[in-house]
Structure formats: structure tokens, C-alpha cells
Amino acid sequence: MILIAGTVRVAAGGLDKVRDAMETVLSATRAEDGCIQYAYARDVLDPDLMHVSELWRDMDALKAHGAAPHMKIWGSAMREAGVLERDLKWYEVGEGTPL
């Protein structure tokens, strides 16, 4: 499986501007074949910092996601939000063990 984790920092108030697009992309992505988990969350102490967490069945599923039509919506939304900094990494992981 492929895990993506990290943060995206946007301009002040940027996430508020693109909330509708974020909801659209979340719903569409979660319906994709190979998407196990897809989430982002605003930091409690920093409203312009978004935490990203994605889990994909394999790299092929992640590549298909990148080519999905709704990712154009995401790209436009992130430009509108004013991305200042992006720190995302992908990891190859196993099945995991419940805590």
C-alpha cells in the first residue's frame, strides 16, 4: 500500500475560500478504485495549515488518482487558496496492526 502524509500551508483564509471544492474532491476521490483512505484536516492551532493523509492500494491506484478529472478541480482550488508551502511524502507500507 502507498501512504501519503504531510502538510500544505496556504495564504491566510485560503482554506475557507475553497471549502466547496475540497468537499467535491473528497467525495470523488473516496469513490475511486484503490482509495482506502483520503482525508485532510485543518490544524487546530494554525487555520492556514492543512494536514493530508491518504492510503492507496498500490502505486497504480495513486497514479490513476492523479489523472482523475476532479484533480483539475483540486489544482484550481489550491491555486485559489494560495499554496505557500507543501511538504508531502509517500511511503510504501504494509497492512498495519490495530492499536
PDB file of N, CA and C in Angstrom:
ATOM      1  N   MET A   1       0.841  -1.180   0.000  1.00  0.00           N
ATOM      2  CA  MET A   1       0.000   0.000   0.000  1.00  0.00           C
ATOM      3  C   MET A   1       0.882   1.237   0.000  1.00  0.00           C
ATOM      4  N   ILE A   2       0.300   2.331  -0.447  1.00  0.00           N
ATOM      5  CA  ILE A   2       1.003   3.609  -0.506  1.00  0.00           C
ATOM      6  C   ILE A   2       0.329   4.583   0.461  1.00  0.00           C
ATOM      7  N   LEU A   3       1.122   5.115   1.370  1.00  0.00           N
ATOM      8  CA  LEU A   3       0.658   6.117   2.324  1.00  0.00           C
ATOM      9  C   LEU A   3       1.239   7.465   1.928  1.00  0.00           C
ATOM     10  N   ILE A   4       0.394   8.467   1.868  1.00  0.00           N
ATOM     11  CA  ILE A   4       0.846   9.841   1.661  1.00  0.00           C
ATOM     12  C   ILE A   4       0.507  10.605   2.929  1.00  0.00           C
ATOM     13  N   ALA A   5       1.488  11.327   3.450  1.00  0.00           N
ATOM     14  CA  ALA A   5       1.277  12.099   4.673  1.00  0.00           C
ATOM     15  C   ALA A   5       2.082  13.382   4.593  1.00  0.00           C
ATOM     16  N   GLY A   6       1.532  14.429   5.187  1.00  0.00           N
ATOM     17  CA  GLY A   6       2.261  15.686   5.231  1.00  0.00           C
ATOM     18  C   GLY A   6       1.336  16.863   5.416  1.00  0.00           C
ATOM     19  N   THR A   7       1.838  18.032   5.042  1.00  0.00           N
ATOM     20  CA  THR A   7       1.091  19.271   5.243  1.00  0.00           C
ATOM     21  C   THR A   7       1.156  20.163   4.011  1.00  0.00           C
ATOM     22  N   VAL A   8       0.163  21.034   3.924  1.00  0.00           N
ATOM     23  CA  VAL A   8       0.121  22.082   2.909  1.00  0.00           C
ATOM     24  C   VAL A   8      -0.242  23.374   3.634  1.00  0.00           C
ATOM     25  N   ARG A   9       0.562  24.401   3.467  1.00  0.00           N
ATOM     26  CA  ARG A   9       0.280  25.716   4.046  1.00  0.00           C
ATOM     27  C   ARG A   9      -0.237  26.627   2.935  1.00  0.00           C
ATOM     28  N   VAL A  10      -1.331  27.331   3.223  1.00  0.00           N
ATOM     29  CA  VAL A  10      -1.922  28.243   2.246  1.00  0.00           C
ATOM     30  C   VAL A  10      -1.946  29.666   2.800  1.00  0.00           C
ATOM     31  N   ALA A  11      -2.268  30.614   1.929  1.00  0.00           N
ATOM     32  CA  ALA A  11      -2.387  32.011   2.329  1.00  0.00           C
ATOM     33  C   ALA A  11      -3.499  32.160   3.371  1.00  0.00           C
ATOM     34  N   ALA A  12      -3.418  33.215   4.155  1.00  0.00           N
ATOM     35  CA  ALA A  12      -4.409  33.461   5.207  1.00  0.00           C
ATOM     36  C   ALA A  12      -5.826  33.409   4.640  1.00  0.00           C
ATOM     37  N   GLY A  13      -6.662  32.564   5.239  1.00  0.00           N
ATOM     38  CA  GLY A  13      -8.048  32.425   4.812  1.00  0.00           C
ATOM     39  C   GLY A  13      -8.239  31.585   3.563  1.00  0.00           C
ATOM     40  N   GLY A  14      -7.176  31.039   3.024  1.00  0.00           N
ATOM     41  CA  GLY A  14      -7.255  30.295   1.765  1.00  0.00           C
ATOM     42  C   GLY A  14      -8.137  29.065   1.820  1.00  0.00           C
ATOM     43  N   LEU A  15      -8.091  28.329   2.915  1.00  0.00           N
ATOM     44  CA  LEU A  15      -8.905  27.115   3.002  1.00  0.00           C
ATOM     45  C   LEU A  15     -10.393  27.439   3.026  1.00  0.00           C
ATOM     46  N   ASP A  16     -10.763  28.555   3.631  1.00  0.00           N
ATOM     47  CA  ASP A  16     -12.174  28.956   3.647  1.00  0.00           C
ATOM     48  C   ASP A  16     -12.681  29.224   2.236  1.00  0.00           C
ATOM     49  N   LYS A  17     -11.839  29.767   1.383  1.00  0.00           N
ATOM     50  CA  LYS A  17     -12.227  30.100   0.010  1.00  0.00           C
ATOM     51  C   LYS A  17     -12.547  28.868  -0.826  1.00  0.00           C
ATOM     52  N   VAL A  18     -11.946  27.738  -0.491  1.00  0.00           N
ATOM     53  CA  VAL A  18     -12.050  26.566  -1.365  1.00  0.00           C
ATOM     54  C   VAL A  18     -12.760  25.382  -0.702  1.00  0.00           C
ATOM     55  N   ARG A  19     -13.500  25.637   0.342  1.00  0.00           N
ATOM     56  CA  ARG A  19     -14.169  24.545   1.064  1.00  0.00           C
ATOM     57  C   ARG A  19     -15.074  23.712   0.161  1.00  0.00           C
ATOM     58  N   ASP A  20     -15.863  24.349  -0.691  1.00  0.00           N
ATOM     59  CA  ASP A  20     -16.764  23.595  -1.571  1.00  0.00           C
ATOM     60  C   ASP A  20     -15.981  22.674  -2.500  1.00  0.00           C
ATOM     61  N   ALA A  21     -14.895  23.178  -3.065  1.00  0.00           N
ATOM     62  CA  ALA A  21     -14.062  22.353  -3.947  1.00  0.00           C
ATOM     63  C   ALA A  21     -13.440  21.203  -3.165  1.00  0.00           C
ATOM     64  N   MET A  22     -13.035  21.458  -1.936  1.00  0.00           N
ATOM     65  CA  MET A  22     -12.449  20.400  -1.104  1.00  0.00           C
ATOM     66  C   MET A  22     -13.458  19.278  -0.877  1.00  0.00           C
ATOM     67  N   GLU A  23     -14.710  19.629  -0.611  1.00  0.00           N
ATOM     68  CA  GLU A  23     -15.744  18.617  -0.397  1.00  0.00           C
ATOM     69  C   GLU A  23     -15.985  17.811  -1.668  1.00  0.00           C
ATOM     70  N   THR A  24     -16.021  18.488  -2.814  1.00  0.00           N
ATOM     71  CA  THR A  24     -16.220  17.808  -4.095  1.00  0.00           C
ATOM     72  C   THR A  24     -15.108  16.801  -4.356  1.00  0.00           C
ATOM     73  N   VAL A  25     -13.879  17.234  -4.163  1.00  0.00           N
ATOM     74  CA  VAL A  25     -12.725  16.365  -4.424  1.00  0.00           C
ATOM     75  C   VAL A  25     -12.674  15.208  -3.426  1.00  0.00           C
ATOM     76  N   LEU A  26     -12.969  15.469  -2.165  1.00  0.00           N
ATOM     77  CA  LEU A  26     -13.001  14.386  -1.170  1.00  0.00           C
ATOM     78  C   LEU A  26     -13.984  13.299  -1.573  1.00  0.00           C
ATOM     79  N   SER A  27     -15.199  13.693  -1.914  1.00  0.00           N
ATOM     80  CA  SER A  27     -16.227  12.712  -2.272  1.00  0.00           C
ATOM     81  C   SER A  27     -15.835  11.910  -3.505  1.00  0.00           C
ATOM     82  N   ALA A  28     -15.357  12.592  -4.526  1.00  0.00           N
ATOM     83  CA  ALA A  28     -14.974  11.909  -5.764  1.00  0.00           C
ATOM     84  C   ALA A  28     -13.788  10.978  -5.539  1.00  0.00           C
ATOM     85  N   THR A  29     -12.814  11.424  -4.778  1.00  0.00           N
ATOM     86  CA  THR A  29     -11.618  10.614  -4.546  1.00  0.00           C
ATOM     87  C   THR A  29     -11.939   9.382  -3.720  1.00  0.00           C
ATOM     88  N   ARG A  30     -12.750   9.538  -2.700  1.00  0.00           N
ATOM     89  CA  ARG A  30     -13.088   8.393  -1.849  1.00  0.00           C
ATOM     90  C   ARG A  30     -13.834   7.303  -2.620  1.00  0.00           C
ATOM     91  N   ALA A  31     -14.444   7.663  -3.739  1.00  0.00           N
ATOM     92  CA  ALA A  31     -15.152   6.687  -4.575  1.00  0.00           C
ATOM     93  C   ALA A  31     -14.231   5.998  -5.586  1.00  0.00           C
ATOM     94  N   GLU A  32     -12.988   6.446  -5.692  1.00  0.00           N
ATOM     95  CA  GLU A  32     -12.056   5.867  -6.661  1.00  0.00           C
ATOM     96  C   GLU A  32     -11.647   4.448  -6.277  1.00  0.00           C
ATOM     97  N   ASP A  33     -11.469   3.611  -7.304  1.00  0.00           N
ATOM     98  CA  ASP A  33     -10.935   2.272  -7.095  1.00  0.00           C
ATOM     99  C   ASP A  33      -9.522   2.389  -6.524  1.00  0.00           C
ATOM    100  N   GLY A  34      -9.268   1.690  -5.455  1.00  0.00           N
ATOM    101  CA  GLY A  34      -7.932   1.695  -4.865  1.00  0.00           C
ATOM    102  C   GLY A  34      -7.729   2.701  -3.754  1.00  0.00           C
ATOM    103  N   CYS A  35      -8.711   3.579  -3.533  1.00  0.00           N
ATOM    104  CA  CYS A  35      -8.606   4.544  -2.436  1.00  0.00           C
ATOM    105  C   CYS A  35      -9.092   3.875  -1.152  1.00  0.00           C
ATOM    106  N   ILE A  36      -8.206   3.755  -0.195  1.00  0.00           N
ATOM    107  CA  ILE A  36      -8.550   3.152   1.089  1.00  0.00           C
ATOM    108  C   ILE A  36      -8.909   4.241   2.095  1.00  0.00           C
ATOM    109  N   GLN A  37      -8.170   5.333   2.066  1.00  0.00           N
ATOM    110  CA  GLN A  37      -8.443   6.469   2.952  1.00  0.00           C
ATOM    111  C   GLN A  37      -7.985   7.738   2.249  1.00  0.00           C
ATOM    112  N   TYR A  38      -8.753   8.806   2.402  1.00  0.00           N
ATOM    113  CA  TYR A  38      -8.377  10.092   1.820  1.00  0.00           C
ATOM    114  C   TYR A  38      -8.944  11.173   2.717  1.00  0.00           C
ATOM    115  N   ALA A  39      -8.071  11.928   3.362  1.00  0.00           N
ATOM    116  CA  ALA A  39      -8.551  12.936   4.307  1.00  0.00           C
ATOM    117  C   ALA A  39      -7.583  14.098   4.388  1.00  0.00           C
ATOM    118  N   TYR A  40      -8.140  15.265   4.656  1.00  0.00           N
ATOM    119  CA  TYR A  40      -7.325  16.397   5.050  1.00  0.00           C
ATOM    120  C   TYR A  40      -8.041  17.130   6.169  1.00  0.00           C
ATOM    121  N   ALA A  41      -7.251  17.767   7.013  1.00  0.00           N
ATOM    122  CA  ALA A  41      -7.810  18.421   8.192  1.00  0.00           C
ATOM    123  C   ALA A  41      -7.049  19.700   8.487  1.00  0.00           C
ATOM    124  N   ARG A  42      -7.787  20.701   8.884  1.00  0.00           N
ATOM    125  CA  ARG A  42      -7.182  21.971   9.286  1.00  0.00           C
ATOM    126  C   ARG A  42      -6.530  21.807  10.657  1.00  0.00           C
ATOM    127  N   ASP A  43      -5.343  22.345  10.797  1.00  0.00           N
ATOM    128  CA  ASP A  43      -4.634  22.300  12.073  1.00  0.00           C
ATOM    129  C   ASP A  43      -5.403  23.119  13.111  1.00  0.00           C
ATOM    130  N   VAL A  44      -5.535  22.600  14.313  1.00  0.00           N
ATOM    131  CA  VAL A  44      -6.283  23.272  15.377  1.00  0.00           C
ATOM    132  C   VAL A  44      -5.648  24.608  15.757  1.00  0.00           C
ATOM    133  N   LEU A  45      -4.328  24.680  15.759  1.00  0.00           N
ATOM    134  CA  LEU A  45      -3.638  25.892  16.191  1.00  0.00           C
ATOM    135  C   LEU A  45      -3.253  26.825  15.047  1.00  0.00           C
ATOM    136  N   ASP A  46      -3.345  26.350  13.817  1.00  0.00           N
ATOM    137  CA  ASP A  46      -2.926  27.142  12.658  1.00  0.00           C
ATOM    138  C   ASP A  46      -3.935  26.940  11.531  1.00  0.00           C
ATOM    139  N   PRO A  47      -4.920  27.830  11.386  1.00  0.00           N
ATOM    140  CA  PRO A  47      -6.011  27.625  10.435  1.00  0.00           C
ATOM    141  C   PRO A  47      -5.601  27.649   8.962  1.00  0.00           C
ATOM    142  N   ASP A  48      -4.367  27.986   8.682  1.00  0.00           N
ATOM    143  CA  ASP A  48      -3.905  28.005   7.294  1.00  0.00           C
ATOM    144  C   ASP A  48      -2.990  26.823   6.978  1.00  0.00           C
ATOM    145  N   LEU A  49      -2.953  25.851   7.876  1.00  0.00           N
ATOM    146  CA  LEU A  49      -2.155  24.640   7.687  1.00  0.00           C
ATOM    147  C   LEU A  49      -3.095  23.442   7.581  1.00  0.00           C
ATOM    148  N   MET A  50      -2.974  22.698   6.487  1.00  0.00           N
ATOM    149  CA  MET A  50      -3.809  21.531   6.240  1.00  0.00           C
ATOM    150  C   MET A  50      -2.944  20.274   6.345  1.00  0.00           C
ATOM    151  N   HIS A  51      -3.412  19.315   7.138  1.00  0.00           N
ATOM    152  CA  HIS A  51      -2.748  18.019   7.253  1.00  0.00           C
ATOM    153  C   HIS A  51      -3.389  17.069   6.243  1.00  0.00           C
ATOM    154  N   VAL A  52      -2.564  16.327   5.528  1.00  0.00           N
ATOM    155  CA  VAL A  52      -3.024  15.428   4.477  1.00  0.00           C
ATOM    156  C   VAL A  52      -2.691  13.995   4.864  1.00  0.00           C
ATOM    157  N   SER A  53      -3.655  13.100   4.652  1.00  0.00           N
ATOM    158  CA  SER A  53      -3.446  11.673   4.898  1.00  0.00           C
ATOM    159  C   SER A  53      -4.193  10.884   3.826  1.00  0.00           C
ATOM    160  N   GLU A  54      -3.452  10.081   3.074  1.00  0.00           N
ATOM    161  CA  GLU A  54      -4.043   9.260   2.017  1.00  0.00           C
ATOM    162  C   GLU A  54      -3.479   7.851   2.127  1.00  0.00           C
ATOM    163  N   LEU A  55      -4.303   6.867   1.810  1.00  0.00           N
ATOM    164  CA  LEU A  55      -3.848   5.486   1.756  1.00  0.00           C
ATOM    165  C   LEU A  55      -4.420   4.856   0.493  1.00  0.00           C
ATOM    166  N   TRP A  56      -3.528   4.315  -0.333  1.00  0.00           N
ATOM    167  CA  TRP A  56      -3.888   3.743  -1.632  1.00  0.00           C
ATOM    168  C   TRP A  56      -3.488   2.281  -1.698  1.00  0.00           C
ATOM    169  N   ARG A  57      -4.254   1.511  -2.427  1.00  0.00           N
ATOM    170  CA  ARG A  57      -3.985   0.080  -2.578  1.00  0.00           C
ATOM    171  C   ARG A  57      -2.589  -0.167  -3.141  1.00  0.00           C
ATOM    172  N   ASP A  58      -2.222   0.637  -4.160  1.00  0.00           N
ATOM    173  CA  ASP A  58      -0.915   0.468  -4.804  1.00  0.00           C
ATOM    174  C   ASP A  58      -0.588   1.726  -5.605  1.00  0.00           C
ATOM    175  N   MET A  59       0.592   1.752  -6.186  1.00  0.00           N
ATOM    176  CA  MET A  59       1.039   2.925  -6.939  1.00  0.00           C
ATOM    177  C   MET A  59       0.183   3.153  -8.183  1.00  0.00           C
ATOM    178  N   ASP A  60      -0.316   2.092  -8.802  1.00  0.00           N
ATOM    179  CA  ASP A  60      -1.184   2.261  -9.972  1.00  0.00           C
ATOM    180  C   ASP A  60      -2.450   3.033  -9.603  1.00  0.00           C
ATOM    181  N   ALA A  61      -3.027   2.723  -8.446  1.00  0.00           N
ATOM    182  CA  ALA A  61      -4.223   3.444  -7.991  1.00  0.00           C
ATOM    183  C   ALA A  61      -3.902   4.911  -7.732  1.00  0.00           C
ATOM    184  N   LEU A  62      -2.752   5.178  -7.150  1.00  0.00           N
ATOM    185  CA  LEU A  62      -2.350   6.562  -6.895  1.00  0.00           C
ATOM    186  C   LEU A  62      -2.131   7.315  -8.209  1.00  0.00           C
ATOM    187  N   LYS A  63      -1.504   6.670  -9.177  1.00  0.00           N
ATOM    188  CA  LYS A  63      -1.289   7.314 -10.481  1.00  0.00           C
ATOM    189  C   LYS A  63      -2.611   7.597 -11.176  1.00  0.00           C
ATOM    190  N   ALA A  64      -3.558   6.666 -11.099  1.00  0.00           N
ATOM    191  CA  ALA A  64      -4.878   6.890 -11.691  1.00  0.00           C
ATOM    192  C   ALA A  64      -5.569   8.070 -11.008  1.00  0.00           C
ATOM    193  N   HIS A  65      -5.406   8.175  -9.716  1.00  0.00           N
ATOM    194  CA  HIS A  65      -5.972   9.304  -8.965  1.00  0.00           C
ATOM    195  C   HIS A  65      -5.420  10.634  -9.492  1.00  0.00           C
ATOM    196  N   GLY A  66      -4.131  10.680  -9.717  1.00  0.00           N
ATOM    197  CA  GLY A  66      -3.519  11.908 -10.222  1.00  0.00           C
ATOM    198  C   GLY A  66      -4.052  12.326 -11.578  1.00  0.00           C
ATOM    199  N   ALA A  67      -4.532  11.356 -12.361  1.00  0.00           N
ATOM    200  CA  ALA A  67      -5.060  11.643 -13.695  1.00  0.00           C
ATOM    201  C   ALA A  67      -6.579  11.824 -13.707  1.00  0.00           C
ATOM    202  N   ALA A  68      -7.227  11.674 -12.555  1.00  0.00           N
ATOM    203  CA  ALA A  68      -8.686  11.773 -12.481  1.00  0.00           C
ATOM    204  C   ALA A  68      -9.151  13.199 -12.780  1.00  0.00           C
ATOM    205  N   PRO A  69     -10.319  13.338 -13.438  1.00  0.00           N
ATOM    206  CA  PRO A  69     -10.819  14.673 -13.799  1.00  0.00           C
ATOM    207  C   PRO A  69     -10.966  15.631 -12.617  1.00  0.00           C
ATOM    208  N   HIS A  70     -11.366  15.124 -11.466  1.00  0.00           N
ATOM    209  CA  HIS A  70     -11.566  16.022 -10.316  1.00  0.00           C
ATOM    210  C   HIS A  70     -10.255  16.577  -9.772  1.00  0.00           C
ATOM    211  N   MET A  71      -9.144  16.026 -10.183  1.00  0.00           N
ATOM    212  CA  MET A  71      -7.869  16.582  -9.726  1.00  0.00           C
ATOM    213  C   MET A  71      -7.578  17.930 -10.394  1.00  0.00           C
ATOM    214  N   LYS A  72      -8.228  18.204 -11.527  1.00  0.00           N
ATOM    215  CA  LYS A  72      -8.128  19.548 -12.118  1.00  0.00           C
ATOM    216  C   LYS A  72      -8.830  20.556 -11.211  1.00  0.00           C
ATOM    217  N   ILE A  73      -9.956  20.141 -10.636  1.00  0.00           N
ATOM    218  CA  ILE A  73     -10.658  20.992  -9.668  1.00  0.00           C
ATOM    219  C   ILE A  73      -9.742  21.265  -8.478  1.00  0.00           C
ATOM    220  N   TRP A  74      -9.051  20.211  -8.020  1.00  0.00           N
ATOM    221  CA  TRP A  74      -8.146  20.356  -6.876  1.00  0.00           C
ATOM    222  C   TRP A  74      -7.012  21.326  -7.192  1.00  0.00           C
ATOM    223  N   GLY A  75      -6.430  21.191  -8.375  1.00  0.00           N
ATOM    224  CA  GLY A  75      -5.341  22.091  -8.762  1.00  0.00           C
ATOM    225  C   GLY A  75      -5.795  23.541  -8.781  1.00  0.00           C
ATOM    226  N   SER A  76      -6.972  23.787  -9.337  1.00  0.00           N
ATOM    227  CA  SER A  76      -7.516  25.151  -9.367  1.00  0.00           C
ATOM    228  C   SER A  76      -7.786  25.663  -7.959  1.00  0.00           C
ATOM    229  N   ALA A  77      -8.330  24.793  -7.119  1.00  0.00           N
ATOM    230  CA  ALA A  77      -8.632  25.193  -5.742  1.00  0.00           C
ATOM    231  C   ALA A  77      -7.360  25.545  -4.983  1.00  0.00           C
ATOM    232  N   MET A  78      -6.322  24.766  -5.164  1.00  0.00           N
ATOM    233  CA  MET A  78      -5.076  25.051  -4.446  1.00  0.00           C
ATOM    234  C   MET A  78      -4.425  26.343  -4.950  1.00  0.00           C
ATOM    235  N   ARG A  79      -4.566  26.625  -6.235  1.00  0.00           N
ATOM    236  CA  ARG A  79      -4.062  27.922  -6.737  1.00  0.00           C
ATOM    237  C   ARG A  79      -4.856  29.068  -6.115  1.00  0.00           C
ATOM    238  N   GLU A  80      -6.177  28.897  -6.020  1.00  0.00           N
ATOM    239  CA  GLU A  80      -7.016  29.936  -5.414  1.00  0.00           C
ATOM    240  C   GLU A  80      -6.705  30.101  -3.925  1.00  0.00           C
ATOM    241  N   ALA A  81      -6.432  29.004  -3.242  1.00  0.00           N
ATOM    242  CA  ALA A  81      -6.110  29.062  -1.809  1.00  0.00           C
ATOM    243  C   ALA A  81      -4.760  29.723  -1.569  1.00  0.00           C
ATOM    244  N   GLY A  82      -3.901  29.706  -2.566  1.00  0.00           N
ATOM    245  CA  GLY A  82      -2.590  30.335  -2.435  1.00  0.00           C
ATOM    246  C   GLY A  82      -1.595  29.476  -1.675  1.00  0.00           C
ATOM    247  N   VAL A  83      -1.244  28.335  -2.252  1.00  0.00           N
ATOM    248  CA  VAL A  83      -0.287  27.441  -1.589  1.00  0.00           C
ATOM    249  C   VAL A  83       1.043  28.161  -1.393  1.00  0.00           C
ATOM    250  N   LEU A  84       1.506  28.178  -0.152  1.00  0.00           N
ATOM    251  CA  LEU A  84       2.779  28.806   0.199  1.00  0.00           C
ATOM    252  C   LEU A  84       3.875  27.771   0.421  1.00  0.00           C
ATOM    253  N   GLU A  85       3.464  26.603   0.896  1.00  0.00           N
ATOM    254  CA  GLU A  85       4.433  25.567   1.255  1.00  0.00           C
ATOM    255  C   GLU A  85       3.741  24.208   1.188  1.00  0.00           C
ATOM    256  N   ARG A  86       4.455  23.242   0.661  1.00  0.00           N
ATOM    257  CA  ARG A  86       3.902  21.891   0.540  1.00  0.00           C
ATOM    258  C   ARG A  86       4.967  20.900   0.992  1.00  0.00           C
ATOM    259  N   ASP A  87       4.612  20.067   1.963  1.00  0.00           N
ATOM    260  CA  ASP A  87       5.536  19.054   2.468  1.00  0.00           C
ATOM    261  C   ASP A  87       4.795  17.722   2.546  1.00  0.00           C
ATOM    262  N   LEU A  88       4.736  17.032   1.415  1.00  0.00           N
ATOM    263  CA  LEU A  88       4.051  15.744   1.323  1.00  0.00           C
ATOM    264  C   LEU A  88       5.064  14.679   0.938  1.00  0.00           C
ATOM    265  N   LYS A  89       4.925  13.517   1.545  1.00  0.00           N
ATOM    266  CA  LYS A  89       5.812  12.398   1.230  1.00  0.00           C
ATOM    267  C   LYS A  89       4.969  11.137   1.055  1.00  0.00           C
ATOM    268  N   TRP A  90       5.459  10.221   0.214  1.00  0.00           N
ATOM    269  CA  TRP A  90       4.778   8.938   0.091  1.00  0.00           C
ATOM    270  C   TRP A  90       5.666   7.846   0.656  1.00  0.00           C
ATOM    271  N   TYR A  91       4.995   6.833   1.198  1.00  0.00           N
ATOM    272  CA  TYR A  91       5.673   5.716   1.843  1.00  0.00           C
ATOM    273  C   TYR A  91       5.017   4.418   1.382  1.00  0.00           C
ATOM    274  N   GLU A  92       5.808   3.393   1.213  1.00  0.00           N
ATOM    275  CA  GLU A  92       5.266   2.066   0.962  1.00  0.00           C
ATOM    276  C   GLU A  92       5.089   1.397   2.324  1.00  0.00           C
ATOM    277  N   VAL A  93       3.865   0.931   2.615  1.00  0.00           N
ATOM    278  CA  VAL A  93       3.559   0.389   3.936  1.00  0.00           C
ATOM    279  C   VAL A  93       2.861  -0.966   3.817  1.00  0.00           C
ATOM    280  N   GLY A  94       2.857  -1.700   4.923  1.00  0.00           N
ATOM    281  CA  GLY A  94       2.148  -2.972   4.989  1.00  0.00           C
ATOM    282  C   GLY A  94       0.711  -2.768   5.425  1.00  0.00           C
ATOM    283  N   GLU A  95       0.082  -3.856   5.797  1.00  0.00           N
ATOM    284  CA  GLU A  95      -1.336  -3.827   6.166  1.00  0.00           C
ATOM    285  C   GLU A  95      -1.610  -3.094   7.471  1.00  0.00           C
ATOM    286  N   GLY A  96      -0.646  -3.020   8.345  1.00  0.00           N
ATOM    287  CA  GLY A  96      -0.862  -2.355   9.628  1.00  0.00           C
ATOM    288  C   GLY A  96      -1.459  -3.298  10.664  1.00  0.00           C
ATOM    289  N   THR A  97      -1.389  -2.872  11.902  1.00  0.00           N
ATOM    290  CA  THR A  97      -1.910  -3.642  13.029  1.00  0.00           C
ATOM    291  C   THR A  97      -2.756  -2.712  13.883  1.00  0.00           C
ATOM    292  N   PRO A  98      -3.968  -3.130  14.271  1.00  0.00           N
ATOM    293  CA  PRO A  98      -4.801  -2.266  15.113  1.00  0.00           C
ATOM    294  C   PRO A  98      -4.101  -1.914  16.425  1.00  0.00           C
ATOM    295  N   LEU A  99      -4.325  -0.703  16.884  1.00  0.00           N
ATOM    296  CA  LEU A  99      -3.773  -0.267  18.176  1.00  0.00           C
ATOM    297  C   LEU A  99      -4.766  -0.545  19.288  1.00  0.00           C
TER     298      LEU A  99
END
